[in-house]
Amino acid sequence: MVTIILSICGILWLAGLDRPRSEQGAGLPLARPLSQQVPCAGQSFSPDTLVLLANGTKRPIAELKAGERVWSFDPETGHTSGRPVQAVLVNHDTELIDLTITNPADVASVIHTTANHPFYSTDRAQASSSEVVGLAATTGTAERPSAEWIDAKDLHPGDRLATPFRDSVAHVAGSTPVFGTADMWDLTVENTHTFYIATVTAAVLVHNCPTR
């Protein structure tokens, strides 16, 4: 598959989210670092997929430009911040999948993604639900359980996905393979290599495509 880098430019500083720090994702459990050698192809989203920006707004991934700031969580440090997009990429992908997520109010959303795109699952930490709520104010790292990056195809119904706010909950409802091929979009986010996909159910944390 061929990866086309659409744009790489400077940093556009945008305002941070208005939510207080205690409601942001600083308390998410930490994951083992995902290899920065993960290929970009096969890890993407449909062009209309909404991305949560650092100023709290949402925009389709295909409309983003390098330099714009997205809301991002650093799985190695536990810190959440706005980080600049380094590149917007498009891949012609063949392993497509529709991932359905839901929340306690039974509001469901479908994320059009690829089978190998990594999502941040707090359930794989094998800790109690009180430990993996993960959206408390604490910023310590020593006692927090590890979470896992899980490819979309390997997520199970009931798996909990990381969200940016402690009052927001999202679980996997199921997934369906999609036959055919399509142009799919991804980002490279500076340093943290993560961003949030925004849906009416919740925003969920995903890995990006690192520069190579």
N, C-alpha and C. Protein backbone atom coordinates (compact mmCIF):
# COMPACT_ATOMS: atom_id res chain seq x y z
N MET A 1 0.84 -1.19 0.00
CA MET A 1 0.00 0.00 0.00
C MET A 1 0.88 1.25 0.00
N VAL A 2 0.44 2.28 -0.63
CA VAL A 2 1.23 3.49 -0.76
C VAL A 2 0.69 4.53 0.20
N THR A 3 1.57 5.10 0.98
CA THR A 3 1.18 6.16 1.90
C THR A 3 1.52 7.51 1.30
N ILE A 4 0.55 8.39 1.21
CA ILE A 4 0.75 9.70 0.60
C ILE A 4 0.72 10.75 1.69
N ILE A 5 1.80 11.46 1.88
CA ILE A 5 1.82 12.53 2.86
C ILE A 5 1.22 13.78 2.22
N LEU A 6 0.08 14.20 2.75
CA LEU A 6 -0.65 15.32 2.16
C LEU A 6 -0.03 16.66 2.52
N SER A 7 0.45 16.79 3.76
CA SER A 7 0.99 18.09 4.13
C SER A 7 1.84 17.98 5.38
N ILE A 8 2.94 18.76 5.39
CA ILE A 8 3.75 18.89 6.59
C ILE A 8 4.13 20.36 6.72
N CYS A 9 3.74 21.02 7.78
CA CYS A 9 4.06 22.44 7.93
C CYS A 9 4.23 22.77 9.39
N GLY A 10 4.28 24.07 9.72
CA GLY A 10 4.58 24.53 11.07
C GLY A 10 3.47 24.34 12.06
N ILE A 11 3.68 24.82 13.28
CA ILE A 11 2.77 24.60 14.40
C ILE A 11 1.81 25.78 14.52
N LEU A 12 0.51 25.49 14.59
CA LEU A 12 -0.50 26.51 14.84
C LEU A 12 -0.98 26.34 16.27
N TRP A 13 -0.69 27.33 17.12
CA TRP A 13 -1.04 27.20 18.54
C TRP A 13 -2.51 27.51 18.72
N LEU A 14 -3.25 26.57 19.28
CA LEU A 14 -4.66 26.74 19.58
C LEU A 14 -4.86 26.66 21.08
N ALA A 15 -5.99 27.16 21.54
CA ALA A 15 -6.29 27.15 22.97
C ALA A 15 -6.55 25.74 23.45
N GLY A 16 -6.29 25.48 24.74
CA GLY A 16 -6.57 24.18 25.34
C GLY A 16 -8.03 24.03 25.64
N LEU A 17 -8.44 22.82 26.00
CA LEU A 17 -9.83 22.56 26.37
C LEU A 17 -10.19 23.34 27.62
N ASP A 18 -11.48 23.70 27.72
CA ASP A 18 -11.95 24.46 28.87
C ASP A 18 -12.17 23.60 30.10
N ARG A 19 -12.22 22.30 29.95
CA ARG A 19 -12.47 21.43 31.09
C ARG A 19 -11.34 21.55 32.11
N PRO A 20 -11.66 21.51 33.41
CA PRO A 20 -10.60 21.53 34.42
C PRO A 20 -9.72 20.30 34.32
N ARG A 21 -8.49 20.43 34.80
CA ARG A 21 -7.52 19.34 34.69
C ARG A 21 -8.04 18.06 35.34
N SER A 22 -8.82 18.18 36.43
CA SER A 22 -9.29 16.99 37.13
C SER A 22 -10.24 16.17 36.29
N GLU A 23 -10.82 16.76 35.22
CA GLU A 23 -11.75 16.03 34.38
C GLU A 23 -11.09 15.53 33.11
N GLN A 24 -9.78 15.82 32.94
CA GLN A 24 -9.10 15.41 31.74
C GLN A 24 -8.44 14.06 31.94
N GLY A 25 -7.80 13.57 30.88
CA GLY A 25 -7.36 12.19 30.89
C GLY A 25 -6.04 11.91 31.57
N ALA A 26 -5.60 12.78 32.49
CA ALA A 26 -4.30 12.57 33.11
C ALA A 26 -4.23 11.30 33.93
N GLY A 27 -5.38 10.78 34.38
CA GLY A 27 -5.35 9.60 35.23
C GLY A 27 -5.51 8.30 34.50
N LEU A 28 -5.47 8.30 33.18
CA LEU A 28 -5.59 7.06 32.43
C LEU A 28 -4.46 6.11 32.79
N PRO A 29 -4.74 4.80 32.85
CA PRO A 29 -3.66 3.84 33.08
C PRO A 29 -2.66 3.87 31.95
N LEU A 30 -1.43 3.55 32.26
CA LEU A 30 -0.37 3.62 31.27
C LEU A 30 -0.27 2.32 30.48
N ALA A 31 0.19 2.45 29.26
CA ALA A 31 0.39 1.29 28.40
C ALA A 31 1.87 1.14 28.09
N ARG A 32 2.24 -0.06 27.70
CA ARG A 32 3.58 -0.25 27.17
C ARG A 32 3.67 0.53 25.86
N PRO A 33 4.81 1.20 25.59
CA PRO A 33 4.93 1.98 24.36
C PRO A 33 4.69 1.11 23.13
N LEU A 34 3.90 1.63 22.20
CA LEU A 34 3.68 0.93 20.95
C LEU A 34 4.86 1.22 20.04
N SER A 35 5.37 0.21 19.40
CA SER A 35 6.54 0.37 18.54
C SER A 35 6.33 1.47 17.52
N GLN A 36 7.32 2.33 17.40
CA GLN A 36 7.23 3.41 16.42
C GLN A 36 7.53 2.91 15.00
N GLN A 37 7.73 1.61 14.86
CA GLN A 37 7.94 1.05 13.53
C GLN A 37 6.64 0.50 12.94
N VAL A 38 5.52 0.72 13.63
CA VAL A 38 4.24 0.25 13.09
C VAL A 38 4.00 0.92 11.74
N PRO A 39 3.75 0.16 10.68
CA PRO A 39 3.51 0.78 9.38
C PRO A 39 2.21 1.54 9.37
N CYS A 40 2.17 2.62 8.56
CA CYS A 40 0.97 3.44 8.50
C CYS A 40 -0.15 2.73 7.76
N ALA A 41 0.17 2.04 6.70
CA ALA A 41 -0.86 1.39 5.91
C ALA A 41 -1.64 0.40 6.75
N GLY A 42 -2.95 0.40 6.60
CA GLY A 42 -3.80 -0.50 7.35
C GLY A 42 -4.19 0.02 8.71
N GLN A 43 -3.88 1.29 9.00
CA GLN A 43 -4.24 1.88 10.28
C GLN A 43 -4.83 3.26 10.03
N SER A 44 -6.11 3.30 9.70
CA SER A 44 -6.69 4.55 9.23
C SER A 44 -8.18 4.61 9.52
N PHE A 45 -8.79 5.76 9.16
CA PHE A 45 -10.20 6.01 9.38
C PHE A 45 -10.84 6.60 8.12
N SER A 46 -12.15 6.46 8.03
CA SER A 46 -12.87 7.06 6.91
C SER A 46 -12.73 8.57 6.96
N PRO A 47 -12.81 9.26 5.82
CA PRO A 47 -12.51 10.70 5.78
C PRO A 47 -13.45 11.56 6.61
N ASP A 48 -14.66 11.07 6.90
CA ASP A 48 -15.61 11.86 7.68
C ASP A 48 -15.49 11.62 9.19
N THR A 49 -14.55 10.80 9.61
CA THR A 49 -14.35 10.52 11.03
C THR A 49 -13.92 11.80 11.75
N LEU A 50 -14.61 12.13 12.86
CA LEU A 50 -14.33 13.36 13.58
C LEU A 50 -13.16 13.17 14.55
N VAL A 51 -12.31 14.19 14.62
CA VAL A 51 -11.17 14.21 15.54
C VAL A 51 -11.38 15.33 16.55
N LEU A 52 -11.09 15.05 17.83
CA LEU A 52 -11.21 16.05 18.89
C LEU A 52 -9.99 16.96 18.87
N LEU A 53 -10.23 18.26 18.66
CA LEU A 53 -9.14 19.22 18.62
C LEU A 53 -8.83 19.76 20.01
N ALA A 54 -7.68 20.41 20.14
CA ALA A 54 -7.24 20.90 21.44
C ALA A 54 -8.14 22.00 22.00
N ASN A 55 -8.87 22.70 21.14
CA ASN A 55 -9.77 23.75 21.62
C ASN A 55 -11.17 23.23 21.91
N GLY A 56 -11.36 21.92 21.85
CA GLY A 56 -12.64 21.32 22.18
C GLY A 56 -13.58 21.13 21.02
N THR A 57 -13.24 21.64 19.85
CA THR A 57 -14.08 21.44 18.68
C THR A 57 -13.73 20.12 18.00
N LYS A 58 -14.53 19.74 17.01
CA LYS A 58 -14.31 18.49 16.28
C LYS A 58 -14.32 18.79 14.79
N ARG A 59 -13.50 18.05 14.06
CA ARG A 59 -13.46 18.24 12.61
C ARG A 59 -13.13 16.93 11.93
N PRO A 60 -13.69 16.71 10.72
CA PRO A 60 -13.36 15.48 9.99
C PRO A 60 -11.86 15.36 9.76
N ILE A 61 -11.36 14.16 9.90
CA ILE A 61 -9.93 13.92 9.78
C ILE A 61 -9.38 14.35 8.43
N ALA A 62 -10.19 14.22 7.37
CA ALA A 62 -9.73 14.58 6.03
C ALA A 62 -9.58 16.09 5.85
N GLU A 63 -10.14 16.89 6.76
CA GLU A 63 -10.05 18.34 6.65
C GLU A 63 -8.91 18.92 7.49
N LEU A 64 -8.25 18.10 8.28
CA LEU A 64 -7.18 18.60 9.14
C LEU A 64 -5.94 18.91 8.33
N LYS A 65 -5.13 19.82 8.88
CA LYS A 65 -3.88 20.20 8.23
C LYS A 65 -2.75 20.11 9.24
N ALA A 66 -1.56 19.90 8.74
CA ALA A 66 -0.38 19.89 9.61
C ALA A 66 -0.28 21.22 10.35
N GLY A 67 0.07 21.15 11.61
CA GLY A 67 0.17 22.34 12.44
C GLY A 67 -1.02 22.54 13.35
N GLU A 68 -2.17 22.01 13.00
CA GLU A 68 -3.33 22.11 13.87
C GLU A 68 -3.13 21.20 15.08
N ARG A 69 -3.72 21.61 16.22
CA ARG A 69 -3.48 20.90 17.47
C ARG A 69 -4.67 20.03 17.83
N VAL A 70 -4.38 18.77 18.15
CA VAL A 70 -5.41 17.82 18.55
C VAL A 70 -5.22 17.48 20.02
N TRP A 71 -6.29 17.01 20.64
CA TRP A 71 -6.23 16.60 22.05
C TRP A 71 -5.57 15.23 22.11
N SER A 72 -4.54 15.09 22.95
CA SER A 72 -3.70 13.90 22.92
C SER A 72 -3.31 13.47 24.33
N PHE A 73 -3.21 12.16 24.52
CA PHE A 73 -2.78 11.57 25.80
C PHE A 73 -1.45 10.87 25.59
N ASP A 74 -0.53 11.09 26.52
CA ASP A 74 0.78 10.43 26.45
C ASP A 74 0.74 9.18 27.33
N PRO A 75 0.70 7.99 26.74
CA PRO A 75 0.61 6.75 27.54
C PRO A 75 1.84 6.46 28.38
N GLU A 76 2.95 7.11 28.09
CA GLU A 76 4.17 6.85 28.85
C GLU A 76 4.27 7.73 30.09
N THR A 77 3.71 8.94 30.04
CA THR A 77 3.81 9.87 31.17
C THR A 77 2.48 10.06 31.89
N GLY A 78 1.37 9.75 31.24
CA GLY A 78 0.06 9.97 31.84
C GLY A 78 -0.47 11.38 31.67
N HIS A 79 0.22 12.22 30.90
CA HIS A 79 -0.21 13.61 30.73
C HIS A 79 -1.07 13.77 29.47
N THR A 80 -2.03 14.69 29.56
CA THR A 80 -2.90 15.02 28.44
C THR A 80 -2.65 16.46 28.03
N SER A 81 -2.61 16.73 26.73
CA SER A 81 -2.35 18.09 26.25
C SER A 81 -2.74 18.20 24.79
N GLY A 82 -2.76 19.43 24.30
CA GLY A 82 -2.92 19.65 22.87
C GLY A 82 -1.58 19.46 22.18
N ARG A 83 -1.55 18.64 21.13
CA ARG A 83 -0.31 18.38 20.40
C ARG A 83 -0.51 18.67 18.92
N PRO A 84 0.51 19.19 18.24
CA PRO A 84 0.37 19.52 16.83
C PRO A 84 0.40 18.30 15.92
N VAL A 85 -0.39 18.37 14.89
CA VAL A 85 -0.36 17.36 13.82
C VAL A 85 0.87 17.62 12.96
N GLN A 86 1.67 16.60 12.76
CA GLN A 86 2.85 16.73 11.91
C GLN A 86 2.53 16.41 10.45
N ALA A 87 1.60 15.50 10.24
CA ALA A 87 1.26 15.12 8.87
C ALA A 87 -0.14 14.52 8.84
N VAL A 88 -0.81 14.73 7.72
CA VAL A 88 -2.09 14.08 7.44
C VAL A 88 -1.83 13.11 6.29
N LEU A 89 -2.24 11.86 6.48
CA LEU A 89 -1.90 10.83 5.51
C LEU A 89 -3.14 10.12 5.00
N VAL A 90 -3.06 9.62 3.79
CA VAL A 90 -4.16 8.83 3.23
C VAL A 90 -3.60 7.53 2.68
N ASN A 91 -4.27 6.43 3.01
CA ASN A 91 -3.86 5.10 2.55
C ASN A 91 -5.02 4.47 1.79
N HIS A 92 -4.71 3.68 0.79
CA HIS A 92 -5.74 2.87 0.14
C HIS A 92 -5.72 1.52 0.84
N ASP A 93 -6.72 1.29 1.69
CA ASP A 93 -6.71 0.13 2.58
C ASP A 93 -7.68 -0.95 2.13
N THR A 94 -7.34 -2.18 2.48
CA THR A 94 -8.16 -3.33 2.08
C THR A 94 -8.83 -4.03 3.26
N GLU A 95 -8.24 -3.93 4.45
CA GLU A 95 -8.80 -4.62 5.62
C GLU A 95 -9.64 -3.64 6.43
N LEU A 96 -10.87 -3.43 5.99
CA LEU A 96 -11.76 -2.46 6.61
C LEU A 96 -12.64 -3.13 7.66
N ILE A 97 -13.03 -2.35 8.67
CA ILE A 97 -13.88 -2.89 9.73
C ILE A 97 -14.73 -1.76 10.31
N ASP A 98 -15.96 -2.08 10.66
CA ASP A 98 -16.84 -1.15 11.36
C ASP A 98 -16.86 -1.54 12.83
N LEU A 99 -16.37 -0.64 13.68
CA LEU A 99 -16.33 -0.89 15.12
C LEU A 99 -17.48 -0.12 15.78
N THR A 100 -18.37 -0.84 16.44
CA THR A 100 -19.50 -0.21 17.12
C THR A 100 -19.18 -0.05 18.60
N ILE A 101 -19.36 1.18 19.11
CA ILE A 101 -19.16 1.44 20.53
C ILE A 101 -20.46 1.95 21.13
N THR A 102 -20.58 1.82 22.44
CA THR A 102 -21.79 2.26 23.13
C THR A 102 -21.42 2.83 24.48
N ASN A 103 -22.38 3.53 25.12
CA ASN A 103 -22.16 4.10 26.45
C ASN A 103 -23.27 3.66 27.39
N PRO A 104 -23.23 4.02 28.67
CA PRO A 104 -24.26 3.57 29.61
C PRO A 104 -25.68 4.01 29.25
N ALA A 105 -25.81 5.06 28.44
CA ALA A 105 -27.13 5.50 27.99
C ALA A 105 -27.59 4.76 26.74
N ASP A 106 -26.83 3.75 26.33
CA ASP A 106 -27.14 2.95 25.15
C ASP A 106 -27.12 3.78 23.86
N VAL A 107 -26.29 4.81 23.84
CA VAL A 107 -26.07 5.57 22.61
C VAL A 107 -24.93 4.90 21.85
N ALA A 108 -25.22 4.42 20.66
CA ALA A 108 -24.23 3.67 19.88
C ALA A 108 -23.69 4.51 18.73
N SER A 109 -22.45 4.26 18.38
CA SER A 109 -21.81 4.89 17.23
C SER A 109 -20.97 3.85 16.50
N VAL A 110 -20.82 4.05 15.21
CA VAL A 110 -19.99 3.17 14.40
C VAL A 110 -18.77 3.94 13.93
N ILE A 111 -17.59 3.40 14.20
CA ILE A 111 -16.34 3.99 13.74
C ILE A 111 -15.87 3.18 12.53
N HIS A 112 -15.72 3.85 11.40
CA HIS A 112 -15.25 3.19 10.18
C HIS A 112 -13.73 3.25 10.18
N THR A 113 -13.10 2.12 10.42
CA THR A 113 -11.66 2.08 10.60
C THR A 113 -11.07 0.88 9.86
N THR A 114 -9.85 0.53 10.21
CA THR A 114 -9.18 -0.62 9.60
C THR A 114 -8.89 -1.65 10.68
N ALA A 115 -8.76 -2.89 10.27
CA ALA A 115 -8.67 -4.01 11.21
C ALA A 115 -7.49 -3.87 12.17
N ASN A 116 -6.40 -3.25 11.72
CA ASN A 116 -5.19 -3.20 12.52
C ASN A 116 -4.97 -1.87 13.24
N HIS A 117 -5.99 -1.01 13.27
CA HIS A 117 -5.78 0.27 13.96
C HIS A 117 -5.85 0.07 15.47
N PRO A 118 -4.83 0.54 16.23
CA PRO A 118 -4.79 0.32 17.67
C PRO A 118 -5.70 1.29 18.44
N PHE A 119 -6.53 0.73 19.32
CA PHE A 119 -7.36 1.49 20.26
C PHE A 119 -6.84 1.23 21.67
N TYR A 120 -7.02 2.21 22.55
CA TYR A 120 -6.50 2.12 23.92
C TYR A 120 -7.55 1.50 24.82
N SER A 121 -7.34 0.26 25.23
CA SER A 121 -8.31 -0.45 26.05
C SER A 121 -7.83 -0.52 27.49
N THR A 122 -8.64 0.03 28.40
CA THR A 122 -8.27 0.00 29.81
C THR A 122 -8.64 -1.32 30.46
N ASP A 123 -9.52 -2.11 29.85
CA ASP A 123 -9.91 -3.40 30.42
C ASP A 123 -8.77 -4.41 30.39
N ARG A 124 -7.87 -4.28 29.45
CA ARG A 124 -6.80 -5.26 29.32
C ARG A 124 -5.77 -5.13 30.43
N ALA A 125 -5.97 -4.15 31.33
CA ALA A 125 -5.07 -3.99 32.47
C ALA A 125 -5.30 -5.06 33.52
N GLN A 126 -6.45 -5.77 33.44
CA GLN A 126 -6.80 -6.81 34.41
C GLN A 126 -6.79 -6.26 35.84
N ALA A 127 -7.35 -5.03 35.96
CA ALA A 127 -7.48 -4.42 37.27
C ALA A 127 -8.95 -4.19 37.54
N SER A 128 -9.29 -3.81 38.77
CA SER A 128 -10.68 -3.57 39.11
C SER A 128 -11.19 -2.35 38.39
N SER A 129 -12.52 -2.27 38.21
CA SER A 129 -13.10 -1.15 37.49
C SER A 129 -12.80 0.16 38.19
N SER A 130 -12.68 0.17 39.51
CA SER A 130 -12.38 1.41 40.22
C SER A 130 -10.97 1.89 39.90
N GLU A 131 -10.07 0.96 39.59
CA GLU A 131 -8.70 1.34 39.26
C GLU A 131 -8.59 1.84 37.83
N VAL A 132 -9.39 1.30 36.93
CA VAL A 132 -9.22 1.64 35.53
C VAL A 132 -10.20 2.67 35.05
N VAL A 133 -10.99 3.28 35.96
CA VAL A 133 -11.78 4.42 35.53
C VAL A 133 -10.85 5.42 34.87
N GLY A 134 -9.66 5.59 35.47
CA GLY A 134 -8.55 6.19 34.75
C GLY A 134 -8.69 7.65 34.44
N LEU A 135 -9.74 8.30 34.88
CA LEU A 135 -9.97 9.68 34.50
C LEU A 135 -10.08 10.54 35.75
N ALA A 136 -9.32 10.16 36.78
CA ALA A 136 -9.27 10.94 38.01
C ALA A 136 -8.15 11.95 37.92
N ALA A 137 -7.98 12.74 38.99
CA ALA A 137 -7.02 13.83 38.94
C ALA A 137 -5.58 13.36 39.13
N THR A 138 -5.37 12.18 39.68
CA THR A 138 -4.02 11.74 39.99
C THR A 138 -3.13 11.71 38.77
N THR A 139 -1.87 12.09 38.95
CA THR A 139 -0.91 12.05 37.85
C THR A 139 0.25 11.11 38.15
N GLY A 140 0.22 10.43 39.30
CA GLY A 140 1.27 9.47 39.61
C GLY A 140 1.22 8.29 38.67
N THR A 141 2.36 7.64 38.46
CA THR A 141 2.40 6.54 37.51
C THR A 141 2.74 5.19 38.13
N ALA A 142 3.33 5.18 39.33
CA ALA A 142 3.88 3.94 39.86
C ALA A 142 2.80 2.90 40.15
N GLU A 143 1.65 3.33 40.67
CA GLU A 143 0.65 2.38 41.11
C GLU A 143 -0.45 2.13 40.08
N ARG A 144 -0.45 2.87 38.99
CA ARG A 144 -1.52 2.69 38.03
C ARG A 144 -1.28 1.47 37.17
N PRO A 145 -2.31 0.68 36.90
CA PRO A 145 -2.13 -0.53 36.09
C PRO A 145 -1.87 -0.18 34.64
N SER A 146 -1.25 -1.09 33.93
CA SER A 146 -1.02 -0.89 32.51
C SER A 146 -2.30 -1.13 31.73
N ALA A 147 -2.48 -0.35 30.67
CA ALA A 147 -3.54 -0.61 29.70
C ALA A 147 -2.87 -1.22 28.48
N GLU A 148 -3.65 -1.48 27.46
CA GLU A 148 -3.09 -2.11 26.27
C GLU A 148 -3.60 -1.44 25.01
N TRP A 149 -2.73 -1.35 24.02
CA TRP A 149 -3.14 -0.99 22.67
C TRP A 149 -3.64 -2.26 21.99
N ILE A 150 -4.90 -2.25 21.58
CA ILE A 150 -5.52 -3.43 20.98
C ILE A 150 -6.01 -3.07 19.59
N ASP A 151 -5.62 -3.87 18.59
CA ASP A 151 -6.11 -3.64 17.23
C ASP A 151 -7.63 -3.79 17.18
N ALA A 152 -8.25 -3.03 16.30
CA ALA A 152 -9.72 -3.03 16.21
C ALA A 152 -10.28 -4.44 16.04
N LYS A 153 -9.62 -5.25 15.24
CA LYS A 153 -10.12 -6.60 14.96
C LYS A 153 -10.05 -7.51 16.19
N ASP A 154 -9.22 -7.14 17.17
CA ASP A 154 -9.03 -7.97 18.36
C ASP A 154 -9.80 -7.48 19.58
N LEU A 155 -10.53 -6.38 19.43
CA LEU A 155 -11.34 -5.90 20.53
C LEU A 155 -12.55 -6.80 20.72
N HIS A 156 -12.97 -6.98 21.98
CA HIS A 156 -14.10 -7.85 22.30
C HIS A 156 -15.29 -7.03 22.78
N PRO A 157 -16.51 -7.49 22.55
CA PRO A 157 -17.67 -6.82 23.14
C PRO A 157 -17.50 -6.69 24.65
N GLY A 158 -17.75 -5.49 25.15
CA GLY A 158 -17.58 -5.22 26.57
C GLY A 158 -16.26 -4.58 26.93
N ASP A 159 -15.26 -4.64 26.03
CA ASP A 159 -13.99 -3.98 26.31
C ASP A 159 -14.22 -2.48 26.51
N ARG A 160 -13.61 -1.95 27.54
CA ARG A 160 -13.72 -0.52 27.81
C ARG A 160 -12.62 0.23 27.08
N LEU A 161 -13.00 1.34 26.42
CA LEU A 161 -12.06 2.17 25.69
C LEU A 161 -11.80 3.45 26.46
N ALA A 162 -10.56 3.95 26.36
CA ALA A 162 -10.18 5.17 27.06
C ALA A 162 -10.86 6.38 26.44
N THR A 163 -11.38 7.25 27.30
CA THR A 163 -12.04 8.49 26.89
C THR A 163 -11.35 9.67 27.59
N PRO A 164 -11.55 10.90 27.12
CA PRO A 164 -10.79 12.02 27.68
C PRO A 164 -11.32 12.57 28.99
N PHE A 165 -12.54 12.21 29.39
CA PHE A 165 -13.13 12.78 30.60
C PHE A 165 -13.65 11.68 31.51
N ARG A 166 -13.57 11.91 32.82
CA ARG A 166 -13.94 10.88 33.78
C ARG A 166 -15.44 10.59 33.78
N ASP A 167 -16.26 11.52 33.28
CA ASP A 167 -17.70 11.28 33.24
C ASP A 167 -18.14 10.69 31.91
N SER A 168 -17.19 10.26 31.11
CA SER A 168 -17.48 9.69 29.79
C SER A 168 -17.02 8.24 29.75
N VAL A 169 -17.91 7.34 29.34
CA VAL A 169 -17.61 5.91 29.31
C VAL A 169 -17.95 5.36 27.93
N ALA A 170 -17.09 4.52 27.40
CA ALA A 170 -17.36 3.87 26.12
C ALA A 170 -16.91 2.42 26.18
N HIS A 171 -17.76 1.53 25.69
CA HIS A 171 -17.44 0.11 25.58
C HIS A 171 -17.63 -0.36 24.14
N VAL A 172 -16.90 -1.39 23.80
CA VAL A 172 -17.08 -2.01 22.48
C VAL A 172 -18.37 -2.82 22.49
N ALA A 173 -19.20 -2.60 21.47
CA ALA A 173 -20.42 -3.39 21.31
C ALA A 173 -20.22 -4.54 20.33
N GLY A 174 -19.31 -4.34 19.38
CA GLY A 174 -19.05 -5.38 18.39
C GLY A 174 -18.34 -4.80 17.19
N SER A 175 -17.99 -5.65 16.25
CA SER A 175 -17.31 -5.20 15.03
C SER A 175 -17.76 -6.06 13.86
N THR A 176 -17.70 -5.45 12.68
CA THR A 176 -18.13 -6.13 11.45
C THR A 176 -17.11 -5.88 10.35
N PRO A 177 -16.52 -6.92 9.77
CA PRO A 177 -15.63 -6.71 8.62
C PRO A 177 -16.39 -6.10 7.45
N VAL A 178 -15.71 -5.23 6.72
CA VAL A 178 -16.31 -4.57 5.57
C VAL A 178 -15.55 -5.02 4.33
N PHE A 179 -16.26 -5.56 3.37
CA PHE A 179 -15.62 -6.04 2.15
C PHE A 179 -15.35 -4.88 1.20
N GLY A 180 -14.23 -4.98 0.47
CA GLY A 180 -13.87 -3.94 -0.48
C GLY A 180 -12.66 -3.16 -0.01
N THR A 181 -12.37 -2.09 -0.72
CA THR A 181 -11.23 -1.23 -0.40
C THR A 181 -11.70 0.21 -0.36
N ALA A 182 -10.89 1.07 0.27
CA ALA A 182 -11.26 2.48 0.37
C ALA A 182 -10.05 3.31 0.74
N ASP A 183 -10.07 4.58 0.36
CA ASP A 183 -9.07 5.52 0.83
C ASP A 183 -9.41 5.89 2.27
N MET A 184 -8.45 5.74 3.16
CA MET A 184 -8.65 5.97 4.59
C MET A 184 -7.57 6.92 5.10
N TRP A 185 -7.93 7.72 6.12
CA TRP A 185 -7.06 8.80 6.60
C TRP A 185 -6.45 8.48 7.96
N ASP A 186 -5.26 9.04 8.19
CA ASP A 186 -4.60 8.93 9.49
C ASP A 186 -3.78 10.19 9.74
N LEU A 187 -3.27 10.32 10.96
CA LEU A 187 -2.46 11.48 11.34
C LEU A 187 -1.12 11.02 11.89
N THR A 188 -0.16 11.92 11.86
CA THR A 188 1.03 11.79 12.69
C THR A 188 0.99 12.93 13.69
N VAL A 189 0.97 12.60 14.98
CA VAL A 189 0.89 13.60 16.05
C VAL A 189 2.24 13.68 16.75
N GLU A 190 2.72 14.88 16.94
CA GLU A 190 4.05 15.10 17.49
C GLU A 190 4.21 14.49 18.88
N ASN A 191 5.27 13.72 19.06
CA ASN A 191 5.72 13.15 20.34
C ASN A 191 4.79 12.09 20.93
N THR A 192 3.54 12.43 21.20
CA THR A 192 2.65 11.50 21.90
C THR A 192 2.10 10.42 20.99
N HIS A 193 1.91 10.74 19.71
CA HIS A 193 1.43 9.77 18.71
C HIS A 193 0.05 9.21 19.05
N THR A 194 -0.80 10.02 19.68
CA THR A 194 -2.17 9.60 19.96
C THR A 194 -3.12 10.75 19.68
N PHE A 195 -4.39 10.41 19.44
CA PHE A 195 -5.43 11.42 19.32
C PHE A 195 -6.77 10.76 19.63
N TYR A 196 -7.82 11.57 19.72
CA TYR A 196 -9.14 11.07 20.07
C TYR A 196 -10.09 11.14 18.87
N ILE A 197 -10.77 10.03 18.60
CA ILE A 197 -11.85 9.98 17.63
C ILE A 197 -13.13 10.39 18.36
N ALA A 198 -13.85 11.38 17.83
CA ALA A 198 -15.05 11.89 18.49
C ALA A 198 -16.30 11.30 17.85
N THR A 199 -17.20 10.80 18.70
CA THR A 199 -18.49 10.26 18.24
C THR A 199 -19.58 10.78 19.17
N VAL A 200 -20.85 10.52 18.84
CA VAL A 200 -21.94 10.93 19.73
C VAL A 200 -21.95 10.07 20.99
N THR A 201 -21.31 8.93 20.95
CA THR A 201 -21.22 8.05 22.12
C THR A 201 -20.18 8.58 23.10
N ALA A 202 -19.00 8.83 22.62
CA ALA A 202 -17.88 9.33 23.42
C ALA A 202 -16.70 9.53 22.47
N ALA A 203 -15.69 10.24 22.96
CA ALA A 203 -14.43 10.31 22.24
C ALA A 203 -13.54 9.18 22.75
N VAL A 204 -12.86 8.47 21.85
CA VAL A 204 -12.04 7.34 22.26
C VAL A 204 -10.61 7.52 21.74
N LEU A 205 -9.67 7.04 22.54
CA LEU A 205 -8.25 7.25 22.26
C LEU A 205 -7.72 6.21 21.28
N VAL A 206 -6.99 6.69 20.26
CA VAL A 206 -6.40 5.81 19.26
C VAL A 206 -4.94 6.20 19.05
N HIS A 207 -4.18 5.27 18.51
CA HIS A 207 -2.80 5.55 18.14
C HIS A 207 -2.78 6.18 16.76
N ASN A 208 -1.69 6.89 16.45
CA ASN A 208 -1.56 7.51 15.13
C ASN A 208 -0.55 6.77 14.28
N CYS A 209 -0.22 7.34 13.16
CA CYS A 209 0.82 6.80 12.30
C CYS A 209 2.09 7.61 12.53
N PRO A 210 3.13 7.05 13.15
CA PRO A 210 4.35 7.81 13.37
C PRO A 210 5.08 8.09 12.08
N THR A 211 5.82 9.21 12.04
CA THR A 211 6.66 9.50 10.89
C THR A 211 7.78 8.48 10.84
N ARG A 212 8.28 8.22 9.64
CA ARG A 212 9.33 7.21 9.49
C ARG A 212 10.48 7.80 8.72
